[in-house]
């Protein structure tokens, strides 16, 4: 088994596979790098850009005062709110963590 793996790694096509892998990695780094965003940035994007929602449309997660504090960055999302938002927007809970 070890011999078969060693033979595969020495195959002439492996150098081509390494080159292609490096090119893919370079492309992804340049073009697909996701910007550093906060959970609030993500929430605002989902609300405004994806669903056309306003602050008063988020009554399911909490009171308007709490939603306002969340959107202004004065308060963090809690687990219950994250679960509600992930269901509402159809995204993973990890989106807001």
Protein backbone atom coordinates (compact mmCIF):
# COMPACT_ATOMS: atom_id res chain seq x y z
CA UNK A 1 0.00 0.00 0.00
CA UNK A 2 2.79 2.44 0.93
CA UNK A 3 4.56 1.55 -2.30
CA UNK A 4 1.45 2.39 -4.34
CA UNK A 5 1.18 5.79 -2.66
CA UNK A 6 4.85 6.50 -3.27
CA UNK A 7 4.47 5.53 -6.93
CA UNK A 8 1.42 7.80 -7.25
CA UNK A 9 3.28 10.74 -5.73
CA UNK A 10 6.12 10.23 -8.21
CA UNK A 11 3.76 10.13 -11.21
CA UNK A 12 4.59 12.83 -13.81
CA UNK A 13 1.06 14.24 -13.58
CA UNK A 14 1.58 15.10 -9.90
CA UNK A 15 3.69 18.14 -10.78
CA UNK A 16 0.83 19.36 -12.97
CA UNK A 17 -1.63 18.76 -10.12
CA UNK A 18 0.60 20.81 -7.79
CA UNK A 19 0.74 23.68 -10.28
CA UNK A 20 -3.02 23.66 -10.80
CA UNK A 21 -3.60 23.54 -7.06
CA UNK A 22 -1.31 26.55 -6.55
CA UNK A 23 -3.08 28.48 -9.30
CA UNK A 24 -6.49 27.75 -7.79
CA UNK A 25 -5.28 28.87 -4.38
CA UNK A 26 -3.87 32.11 -5.83
CA UNK A 27 -7.12 32.82 -7.68
CA UNK A 28 -9.25 32.21 -4.60
CA UNK A 29 -7.00 34.43 -2.49
CA UNK A 30 -7.26 37.29 -4.96
CA UNK A 31 -10.89 36.99 -6.03
CA UNK A 32 -12.87 35.07 -3.47
CA UNK A 33 -11.50 36.31 -0.18
CA UNK A 34 -14.41 37.22 2.03
CA UNK A 35 -14.05 40.55 3.76
CA UNK A 36 -13.86 40.64 7.52
CA UNK A 37 -17.40 41.35 8.60
CA UNK A 38 -19.17 41.38 11.90
CA UNK A 39 -22.39 39.61 12.71
CA UNK A 40 -24.11 43.00 12.61
CA UNK A 41 -22.72 43.71 9.12
CA UNK A 42 -24.06 40.36 8.00
CA UNK A 43 -27.45 41.02 9.57
CA UNK A 44 -27.68 44.44 7.92
CA UNK A 45 -26.72 42.95 4.55
CA UNK A 46 -29.32 40.21 4.83
CA UNK A 47 -31.98 42.67 5.93
CA UNK A 48 -31.36 45.47 3.44
CA UNK A 49 -29.73 43.92 0.39
CA UNK A 50 -31.19 40.44 0.33
CA UNK A 51 -34.67 40.87 1.81
CA UNK A 52 -35.46 44.60 1.77
CA UNK A 53 -36.31 44.62 5.46
CA UNK A 54 -36.25 47.49 7.93
CA UNK A 55 -35.59 47.45 11.66
CA UNK A 56 -39.31 47.24 12.47
CA UNK A 57 -39.54 44.05 10.39
CA UNK A 58 -37.44 42.17 12.97
CA UNK A 59 -40.06 42.01 15.71
CA UNK A 60 -39.59 38.22 15.87
CA UNK A 61 -36.14 38.50 17.43
CA UNK A 62 -36.86 41.07 20.15
CA UNK A 63 -38.36 44.47 21.00
CA UNK A 64 -37.65 47.48 18.79
CA UNK A 65 -35.37 48.94 21.47
CA UNK A 66 -33.27 45.79 21.60
CA UNK A 67 -33.16 45.48 17.80
CA UNK A 68 -32.03 49.12 17.60
CA UNK A 69 -29.24 48.46 20.10
CA UNK A 70 -28.15 45.37 18.15
CA UNK A 71 -28.06 47.21 14.82
CA UNK A 72 -26.14 50.12 16.33
CA UNK A 73 -23.56 47.77 17.86
CA UNK A 74 -24.47 48.55 21.46
CA UNK A 75 -25.68 45.02 22.12
CA UNK A 76 -24.58 41.62 20.81
CA UNK A 77 -26.88 38.95 19.45
CA UNK A 78 -27.74 36.19 21.90
CA UNK A 79 -28.23 32.50 21.07
CA UNK A 80 -32.02 32.72 20.83
CA UNK A 81 -31.82 35.71 18.49
CA UNK A 82 -29.22 33.99 16.33
CA UNK A 83 -31.41 30.88 16.00
CA UNK A 84 -34.42 33.01 15.09
CA UNK A 85 -32.46 35.01 12.51
CA UNK A 86 -30.92 31.92 10.93
CA UNK A 87 -34.40 30.41 10.49
CA UNK A 88 -35.84 33.67 9.17
CA UNK A 89 -33.08 34.16 6.61
CA UNK A 90 -32.47 30.49 5.87
CA UNK A 91 -28.77 30.60 6.79
CA UNK A 92 -26.57 28.69 9.21
CA UNK A 93 -26.35 29.94 12.78
CA UNK A 94 -22.60 30.18 12.18
CA UNK A 95 -23.33 33.14 9.90
CA UNK A 96 -23.90 35.30 12.96
CA UNK A 97 -21.11 33.98 15.17
